[in-house]
Amino acid sequence: MALCRGCRVGDRSCRFGADLFDATSPEEGVAFVQCPADFDGGPEVAHGGWIAGVFDDVLGRFLAHRGVKSVTATLSVSFLMPVPVARPLVLRTRILSREGRRITMAGALRLEGEHQDRATAEGVWVERRPDHFERHRAQMSADRPETP
C-alpha cells in the first residue's frame, strides 16, 4: 500500500506502523500494524490519538489503494479495550456505502490472533476534486495575516 505524503517525503516506513496491507475483496482490506512504544499513552497502552490516527490513515489509504483519492470528512472512534504498544495488531477495513463522492467506511482494531475488537471506527471520506489542494492553498493564503 502506498505511503502518505508525510512518510514518503521523510523516506521512512509508515509512522503508524501500517506497512503491511492486503485487499481481501473490492470492499474490504486488512492491515497489520503495531503501535510504536513512543506512542505510549499510559503504561504500555497506545495513546488514543495514535489509535484515531491509524484508523484515519489506513481507511483512507485503502481507498487510495482502490484508486480513489479522498480526504476525511468525519471519523468517530470507539475505544473498547486497552490497545497495547509494541504488539502485532490487525486493522480490518470495510466500505459500507457510497453516495456520489461520499464513501462511508468502518474499521476494527484487534490484537493479532484475538477475536475481540479493541477499538472500532466509522467515518466518511470524500473523493477529492482535481483542484482540491489548489483551493485549499488559496484559502490558507487568504487566512494568513498580512505582514508589515
N, C-alpha and C. Protein backbone atom coordinates (compact mmCIF):
# COMPACT_ATOMS: atom_id res chain seq x y z
N MET A 1 0.86 -1.17 0.00
CA MET A 1 0.00 0.00 0.00
C MET A 1 0.90 1.23 0.00
N ALA A 2 0.58 2.20 -0.80
CA ALA A 2 1.38 3.41 -0.91
C ALA A 2 1.37 4.20 0.40
N LEU A 3 2.49 4.81 0.71
CA LEU A 3 2.59 5.63 1.91
C LEU A 3 1.97 7.00 1.68
N CYS A 4 1.56 7.64 2.76
CA CYS A 4 1.05 9.01 2.67
C CYS A 4 2.23 9.94 2.37
N ARG A 5 1.93 11.17 2.04
CA ARG A 5 2.96 12.13 1.67
C ARG A 5 3.97 12.35 2.80
N GLY A 6 3.51 12.43 4.03
CA GLY A 6 4.40 12.68 5.16
C GLY A 6 5.49 11.63 5.30
N CYS A 7 5.14 10.38 5.12
CA CYS A 7 6.13 9.31 5.24
C CYS A 7 6.96 9.17 3.96
N ARG A 8 6.34 9.41 2.79
CA ARG A 8 7.09 9.35 1.53
C ARG A 8 8.18 10.40 1.51
N VAL A 9 7.83 11.63 1.89
CA VAL A 9 8.80 12.73 1.89
C VAL A 9 9.91 12.46 2.89
N GLY A 10 9.55 11.89 4.03
CA GLY A 10 10.54 11.60 5.06
C GLY A 10 11.38 10.38 4.75
N ASP A 11 11.08 9.67 3.63
CA ASP A 11 11.83 8.49 3.22
C ASP A 11 11.94 7.49 4.37
N ARG A 12 10.78 7.11 4.88
CA ARG A 12 10.77 6.17 6.00
C ARG A 12 9.56 5.26 5.87
N SER A 13 9.46 4.33 6.77
CA SER A 13 8.27 3.48 6.78
C SER A 13 7.12 4.25 7.42
N CYS A 14 5.94 3.68 7.40
CA CYS A 14 4.74 4.35 7.91
C CYS A 14 4.90 4.70 9.39
N ARG A 15 4.64 5.95 9.72
CA ARG A 15 4.75 6.40 11.12
C ARG A 15 3.72 5.74 12.03
N PHE A 16 2.67 5.17 11.43
CA PHE A 16 1.66 4.45 12.22
C PHE A 16 1.94 2.96 12.26
N GLY A 17 3.03 2.52 11.62
CA GLY A 17 3.37 1.11 11.62
C GLY A 17 2.49 0.29 10.69
N ALA A 18 1.84 0.94 9.72
CA ALA A 18 0.90 0.27 8.81
C ALA A 18 1.56 0.01 7.47
N ASP A 19 2.63 -0.77 7.48
CA ASP A 19 3.35 -1.04 6.24
C ASP A 19 2.82 -2.27 5.49
N LEU A 20 2.22 -3.21 6.20
CA LEU A 20 1.71 -4.43 5.58
C LEU A 20 0.21 -4.34 5.41
N PHE A 21 -0.26 -4.49 4.17
CA PHE A 21 -1.67 -4.29 3.86
C PHE A 21 -2.08 -5.28 2.78
N ASP A 22 -3.31 -5.77 2.86
CA ASP A 22 -3.83 -6.68 1.84
C ASP A 22 -5.30 -6.36 1.59
N ALA A 23 -5.67 -6.16 0.34
CA ALA A 23 -7.08 -6.01 -0.02
C ALA A 23 -7.65 -7.42 -0.13
N THR A 24 -8.60 -7.75 0.73
CA THR A 24 -9.18 -9.09 0.74
C THR A 24 -10.37 -9.21 -0.20
N SER A 25 -10.92 -8.08 -0.62
CA SER A 25 -12.01 -8.02 -1.60
C SER A 25 -12.07 -6.58 -2.09
N PRO A 26 -12.91 -6.27 -3.08
CA PRO A 26 -13.02 -4.88 -3.52
C PRO A 26 -13.53 -3.93 -2.43
N GLU A 27 -14.22 -4.47 -1.42
CA GLU A 27 -14.80 -3.64 -0.37
C GLU A 27 -14.09 -3.77 0.98
N GLU A 28 -13.16 -4.70 1.12
CA GLU A 28 -12.55 -4.97 2.42
C GLU A 28 -11.04 -5.13 2.30
N GLY A 29 -10.37 -4.81 3.41
CA GLY A 29 -8.93 -4.97 3.47
C GLY A 29 -8.48 -5.22 4.89
N VAL A 30 -7.23 -5.60 5.03
CA VAL A 30 -6.65 -5.83 6.34
C VAL A 30 -5.24 -5.27 6.35
N ALA A 31 -4.91 -4.57 7.43
CA ALA A 31 -3.56 -4.02 7.61
C ALA A 31 -2.99 -4.60 8.89
N PHE A 32 -1.72 -4.88 8.87
CA PHE A 32 -1.03 -5.39 10.04
C PHE A 32 -0.20 -4.23 10.59
N VAL A 33 -0.52 -3.81 11.79
CA VAL A 33 0.06 -2.60 12.38
C VAL A 33 0.64 -2.91 13.75
N GLN A 34 1.39 -1.96 14.25
CA GLN A 34 1.94 -2.07 15.60
C GLN A 34 2.16 -0.67 16.12
N CYS A 35 1.64 -0.38 17.29
CA CYS A 35 1.81 0.93 17.88
C CYS A 35 3.23 1.05 18.43
N PRO A 36 4.01 2.00 17.94
CA PRO A 36 5.36 2.19 18.46
C PRO A 36 5.31 2.57 19.95
N ALA A 37 6.30 2.12 20.69
CA ALA A 37 6.35 2.38 22.13
C ALA A 37 6.34 3.87 22.46
N ASP A 38 6.83 4.72 21.55
CA ASP A 38 6.84 6.16 21.85
C ASP A 38 5.45 6.79 21.72
N PHE A 39 4.42 6.01 21.36
CA PHE A 39 3.03 6.49 21.38
C PHE A 39 2.30 5.94 22.60
N ASP A 40 3.06 5.60 23.62
CA ASP A 40 2.52 5.11 24.89
C ASP A 40 1.72 6.22 25.56
N GLY A 41 0.43 5.98 25.80
CA GLY A 41 -0.42 6.98 26.46
C GLY A 41 -0.65 6.64 27.91
N GLY A 42 -0.21 5.51 28.33
CA GLY A 42 -0.32 5.00 29.70
C GLY A 42 0.65 3.84 29.78
N PRO A 43 0.75 3.19 30.89
CA PRO A 43 1.71 2.09 30.98
C PRO A 43 1.45 1.01 29.91
N GLU A 44 2.30 1.01 28.88
CA GLU A 44 2.25 0.02 27.80
C GLU A 44 0.93 0.00 27.03
N VAL A 45 0.21 1.13 27.03
CA VAL A 45 -1.08 1.24 26.34
C VAL A 45 -0.97 2.35 25.29
N ALA A 46 -1.49 2.07 24.09
CA ALA A 46 -1.45 3.04 23.00
C ALA A 46 -2.25 4.30 23.34
N HIS A 47 -1.72 5.44 22.96
CA HIS A 47 -2.41 6.73 23.11
C HIS A 47 -3.62 6.73 22.18
N GLY A 48 -4.73 7.28 22.64
CA GLY A 48 -5.94 7.35 21.82
C GLY A 48 -5.73 8.10 20.52
N GLY A 49 -4.84 9.08 20.52
CA GLY A 49 -4.54 9.82 19.30
C GLY A 49 -3.89 8.94 18.25
N TRP A 50 -3.03 8.01 18.69
CA TRP A 50 -2.43 7.06 17.74
C TRP A 50 -3.52 6.16 17.16
N ILE A 51 -4.42 5.69 18.01
CA ILE A 51 -5.49 4.81 17.54
C ILE A 51 -6.35 5.53 16.50
N ALA A 52 -6.77 6.75 16.79
CA ALA A 52 -7.57 7.52 15.82
C ALA A 52 -6.76 7.76 14.55
N GLY A 53 -5.49 8.09 14.71
CA GLY A 53 -4.64 8.36 13.55
C GLY A 53 -4.44 7.15 12.66
N VAL A 54 -4.27 5.98 13.26
CA VAL A 54 -4.06 4.78 12.44
C VAL A 54 -5.34 4.41 11.70
N PHE A 55 -6.51 4.61 12.33
CA PHE A 55 -7.76 4.39 11.60
C PHE A 55 -7.85 5.35 10.41
N ASP A 56 -7.61 6.62 10.64
CA ASP A 56 -7.70 7.63 9.58
C ASP A 56 -6.75 7.27 8.44
N ASP A 57 -5.52 6.92 8.78
CA ASP A 57 -4.51 6.61 7.78
C ASP A 57 -4.88 5.36 6.98
N VAL A 58 -5.18 4.27 7.65
CA VAL A 58 -5.40 3.00 6.96
C VAL A 58 -6.70 3.01 6.16
N LEU A 59 -7.78 3.55 6.72
CA LEU A 59 -9.03 3.58 5.96
C LEU A 59 -8.89 4.46 4.72
N GLY A 60 -8.24 5.61 4.86
CA GLY A 60 -8.01 6.47 3.71
C GLY A 60 -7.08 5.85 2.68
N ARG A 61 -6.04 5.18 3.15
CA ARG A 61 -5.11 4.54 2.21
C ARG A 61 -5.75 3.34 1.51
N PHE A 62 -6.72 2.68 2.17
CA PHE A 62 -7.44 1.60 1.49
C PHE A 62 -8.14 2.16 0.25
N LEU A 63 -8.77 3.33 0.40
CA LEU A 63 -9.42 3.95 -0.76
C LEU A 63 -8.40 4.30 -1.83
N ALA A 64 -7.25 4.83 -1.43
CA ALA A 64 -6.19 5.15 -2.40
C ALA A 64 -5.74 3.89 -3.13
N HIS A 65 -5.64 2.80 -2.39
CA HIS A 65 -5.27 1.51 -2.98
C HIS A 65 -6.30 1.09 -4.04
N ARG A 66 -7.55 1.49 -3.83
CA ARG A 66 -8.64 1.20 -4.77
C ARG A 66 -8.71 2.25 -5.89
N GLY A 67 -7.79 3.22 -5.89
CA GLY A 67 -7.75 4.24 -6.94
C GLY A 67 -8.58 5.47 -6.65
N VAL A 68 -9.05 5.61 -5.40
CA VAL A 68 -9.88 6.76 -5.01
C VAL A 68 -9.04 7.71 -4.18
N LYS A 69 -8.82 8.93 -4.67
CA LYS A 69 -8.12 9.96 -3.90
C LYS A 69 -9.16 10.68 -3.06
N SER A 70 -8.98 10.66 -1.75
CA SER A 70 -10.02 11.19 -0.86
C SER A 70 -9.44 11.97 0.30
N VAL A 71 -10.33 12.66 1.00
CA VAL A 71 -10.00 13.33 2.26
C VAL A 71 -11.03 12.90 3.30
N THR A 72 -10.63 12.93 4.55
CA THR A 72 -11.52 12.54 5.63
C THR A 72 -12.50 13.66 5.93
N ALA A 73 -13.79 13.32 5.97
CA ALA A 73 -14.83 14.30 6.34
C ALA A 73 -15.20 14.12 7.81
N THR A 74 -15.43 12.88 8.24
CA THR A 74 -15.74 12.60 9.64
C THR A 74 -15.05 11.31 10.05
N LEU A 75 -14.76 11.20 11.34
CA LEU A 75 -14.20 9.97 11.88
C LEU A 75 -14.62 9.87 13.34
N SER A 76 -15.27 8.78 13.69
CA SER A 76 -15.70 8.54 15.06
C SER A 76 -15.06 7.23 15.53
N VAL A 77 -14.38 7.29 16.67
CA VAL A 77 -13.68 6.12 17.19
C VAL A 77 -14.29 5.71 18.52
N SER A 78 -14.50 4.41 18.68
CA SER A 78 -14.95 3.84 19.96
C SER A 78 -13.77 3.07 20.55
N PHE A 79 -13.36 3.47 21.74
CA PHE A 79 -12.25 2.83 22.44
C PHE A 79 -12.86 1.79 23.38
N LEU A 80 -12.71 0.51 23.05
CA LEU A 80 -13.42 -0.56 23.75
C LEU A 80 -12.57 -1.24 24.81
N MET A 81 -11.30 -1.41 24.53
CA MET A 81 -10.36 -2.07 25.44
C MET A 81 -8.99 -1.44 25.25
N PRO A 82 -8.10 -1.58 26.22
CA PRO A 82 -6.75 -1.06 26.02
C PRO A 82 -6.08 -1.72 24.81
N VAL A 83 -5.34 -0.90 24.06
CA VAL A 83 -4.57 -1.39 22.92
C VAL A 83 -3.10 -1.34 23.34
N PRO A 84 -2.44 -2.48 23.43
CA PRO A 84 -1.06 -2.48 23.89
C PRO A 84 -0.09 -1.94 22.83
N VAL A 85 1.00 -1.34 23.29
CA VAL A 85 2.05 -0.89 22.39
C VAL A 85 2.97 -2.07 22.09
N ALA A 86 3.69 -1.95 20.97
CA ALA A 86 4.73 -2.90 20.58
C ALA A 86 4.23 -4.35 20.50
N ARG A 87 2.97 -4.51 20.10
CA ARG A 87 2.41 -5.85 19.89
C ARG A 87 1.73 -5.88 18.52
N PRO A 88 1.78 -6.99 17.81
CA PRO A 88 1.15 -7.07 16.49
C PRO A 88 -0.37 -6.90 16.57
N LEU A 89 -0.88 -6.01 15.73
CA LEU A 89 -2.31 -5.71 15.68
C LEU A 89 -2.83 -5.91 14.26
N VAL A 90 -4.12 -6.17 14.15
CA VAL A 90 -4.78 -6.32 12.86
C VAL A 90 -5.86 -5.26 12.77
N LEU A 91 -5.85 -4.48 11.69
CA LEU A 91 -6.88 -3.46 11.46
C LEU A 91 -7.63 -3.84 10.19
N ARG A 92 -8.90 -4.16 10.35
CA ARG A 92 -9.75 -4.53 9.21
C ARG A 92 -10.53 -3.31 8.73
N THR A 93 -10.61 -3.14 7.42
CA THR A 93 -11.34 -2.02 6.82
C THR A 93 -12.48 -2.56 5.98
N ARG A 94 -13.53 -1.74 5.87
CA ARG A 94 -14.68 -2.15 5.06
C ARG A 94 -15.40 -0.91 4.53
N ILE A 95 -15.70 -0.91 3.24
CA ILE A 95 -16.54 0.14 2.67
C ILE A 95 -17.98 -0.24 2.95
N LEU A 96 -18.71 0.66 3.63
CA LEU A 96 -20.11 0.39 3.96
C LEU A 96 -21.06 0.87 2.88
N SER A 97 -20.79 2.06 2.31
CA SER A 97 -21.68 2.60 1.29
C SER A 97 -20.97 3.71 0.52
N ARG A 98 -21.56 4.05 -0.61
CA ARG A 98 -21.06 5.17 -1.40
C ARG A 98 -22.25 5.92 -1.98
N GLU A 99 -22.24 7.24 -1.76
CA GLU A 99 -23.25 8.12 -2.34
C GLU A 99 -22.51 9.25 -3.03
N GLY A 100 -22.48 9.23 -4.35
CA GLY A 100 -21.73 10.23 -5.09
C GLY A 100 -20.26 10.17 -4.70
N ARG A 101 -19.72 11.29 -4.23
CA ARG A 101 -18.31 11.35 -3.83
C ARG A 101 -18.10 10.96 -2.37
N ARG A 102 -19.17 10.72 -1.61
CA ARG A 102 -19.07 10.40 -0.17
C ARG A 102 -19.04 8.89 0.05
N ILE A 103 -18.00 8.42 0.74
CA ILE A 103 -17.81 6.99 0.99
C ILE A 103 -17.78 6.77 2.49
N THR A 104 -18.69 5.94 2.99
CA THR A 104 -18.73 5.60 4.41
C THR A 104 -17.95 4.31 4.62
N MET A 105 -17.05 4.36 5.61
CA MET A 105 -16.18 3.22 5.88
C MET A 105 -16.20 2.88 7.36
N ALA A 106 -15.80 1.64 7.66
CA ALA A 106 -15.68 1.19 9.04
C ALA A 106 -14.36 0.45 9.20
N GLY A 107 -13.88 0.42 10.44
CA GLY A 107 -12.66 -0.31 10.74
C GLY A 107 -12.75 -0.92 12.12
N ALA A 108 -11.97 -1.98 12.33
CA ALA A 108 -11.90 -2.64 13.64
C ALA A 108 -10.44 -3.00 13.91
N LEU A 109 -10.00 -2.75 15.14
CA LEU A 109 -8.62 -3.00 15.54
C LEU A 109 -8.60 -4.08 16.61
N ARG A 110 -7.79 -5.12 16.38
CA ARG A 110 -7.67 -6.24 17.31
C ARG A 110 -6.20 -6.61 17.49
N LEU A 111 -5.92 -7.28 18.59
CA LEU A 111 -4.61 -7.91 18.73
C LEU A 111 -4.56 -9.07 17.75
N GLU A 112 -3.42 -9.27 17.11
CA GLU A 112 -3.29 -10.39 16.19
C GLU A 112 -3.60 -11.70 16.92
N GLY A 113 -4.46 -12.52 16.33
CA GLY A 113 -4.84 -13.80 16.93
C GLY A 113 -6.05 -13.73 17.84
N GLU A 114 -6.52 -12.52 18.16
CA GLU A 114 -7.71 -12.36 19.00
C GLU A 114 -8.94 -12.18 18.13
N HIS A 115 -10.11 -12.39 18.72
CA HIS A 115 -11.38 -12.22 18.00
C HIS A 115 -12.23 -11.13 18.61
N GLN A 116 -11.66 -10.34 19.50
CA GLN A 116 -12.41 -9.27 20.16
C GLN A 116 -11.84 -7.91 19.74
N ASP A 117 -12.73 -7.01 19.29
CA ASP A 117 -12.30 -5.68 18.89
C ASP A 117 -11.81 -4.89 20.10
N ARG A 118 -10.69 -4.20 19.94
CA ARG A 118 -10.19 -3.31 20.98
C ARG A 118 -10.61 -1.87 20.71
N ALA A 119 -10.82 -1.55 19.44
CA ALA A 119 -11.33 -0.23 19.04
C ALA A 119 -12.01 -0.39 17.69
N THR A 120 -13.01 0.44 17.46
CA THR A 120 -13.70 0.45 16.16
C THR A 120 -13.81 1.90 15.70
N ALA A 121 -14.01 2.06 14.41
CA ALA A 121 -14.16 3.41 13.85
C ALA A 121 -15.14 3.37 12.70
N GLU A 122 -15.80 4.50 12.50
CA GLU A 122 -16.64 4.69 11.33
C GLU A 122 -16.47 6.13 10.88
N GLY A 123 -16.45 6.33 9.59
CA GLY A 123 -16.27 7.69 9.09
C GLY A 123 -16.68 7.82 7.64
N VAL A 124 -16.61 9.06 7.19
CA VAL A 124 -16.94 9.39 5.81
C VAL A 124 -15.71 10.01 5.16
N TRP A 125 -15.37 9.51 3.98
CA TRP A 125 -14.30 10.07 3.16
C TRP A 125 -14.95 10.64 1.91
N VAL A 126 -14.41 11.75 1.43
CA VAL A 126 -14.96 12.41 0.25
C VAL A 126 -13.92 12.35 -0.86
N GLU A 127 -14.34 11.83 -2.01
CA GLU A 127 -13.43 11.78 -3.15
C GLU A 127 -13.06 13.20 -3.55
N ARG A 128 -11.75 13.44 -3.66
CA ARG A 128 -11.26 14.79 -3.96
C ARG A 128 -11.58 15.19 -5.38
N ARG A 129 -11.87 16.47 -5.53
CA ARG A 129 -11.93 17.06 -6.87
C ARG A 129 -10.49 17.33 -7.31
N PRO A 130 -10.25 17.42 -8.62
CA PRO A 130 -8.88 17.64 -9.10
C PRO A 130 -8.22 18.91 -8.53
N ASP A 131 -9.01 19.94 -8.25
CA ASP A 131 -8.43 21.20 -7.77
C ASP A 131 -8.45 21.32 -6.24
N HIS A 132 -8.61 20.22 -5.54
CA HIS A 132 -8.76 20.25 -4.08
C HIS A 132 -7.62 21.01 -3.39
N PHE A 133 -6.39 20.63 -3.67
CA PHE A 133 -5.27 21.24 -2.94
C PHE A 133 -5.01 22.68 -3.37
N GLU A 134 -5.29 23.00 -4.62
CA GLU A 134 -5.13 24.39 -5.06
C GLU A 134 -6.13 25.28 -4.33
N ARG A 135 -7.38 24.83 -4.20
CA ARG A 135 -8.39 25.60 -3.47
C ARG A 135 -7.99 25.73 -2.00
N HIS A 136 -7.46 24.67 -1.43
CA HIS A 136 -7.03 24.69 -0.03
C HIS A 136 -5.90 25.70 0.18
N ARG A 137 -4.90 25.66 -0.71
CA ARG A 137 -3.78 26.60 -0.60
C ARG A 137 -4.25 28.05 -0.73
N ALA A 138 -5.17 28.30 -1.65
CA ALA A 138 -5.70 29.66 -1.83
C ALA A 138 -6.41 30.13 -0.56
N GLN A 139 -7.19 29.25 0.05
CA GLN A 139 -7.89 29.61 1.29
C GLN A 139 -6.90 29.88 2.42
N MET A 140 -5.87 29.05 2.53
CA MET A 140 -4.86 29.24 3.57
C MET A 140 -4.14 30.57 3.38
N SER A 141 -3.84 30.93 2.14
CA SER A 141 -3.18 32.21 1.86
C SER A 141 -4.07 33.37 2.25
N ALA A 142 -5.36 33.25 1.96
CA ALA A 142 -6.32 34.32 2.30
C ALA A 142 -6.47 34.46 3.81
N ASP A 143 -6.27 33.37 4.55
CA ASP A 143 -6.44 33.39 6.01
C ASP A 143 -5.21 33.91 6.75
N ARG A 144 -4.06 34.01 6.06
CA ARG A 144 -2.83 34.49 6.71
C ARG A 144 -2.91 35.98 6.95
N PRO A 145 -2.48 36.43 8.11
CA PRO A 145 -2.46 37.88 8.34
C PRO A 145 -1.38 38.52 7.47
N GLU A 146 -1.64 39.74 7.07
CA GLU A 146 -0.65 40.47 6.26
C GLU A 146 0.54 40.82 7.14
N THR A 147 1.73 40.68 6.56
CA THR A 147 2.95 41.05 7.30
C THR A 147 3.35 42.46 6.91
N PRO A 148 3.76 43.26 7.90
CA PRO A 148 4.14 44.66 7.61
C PRO A 148 5.42 44.75 6.83
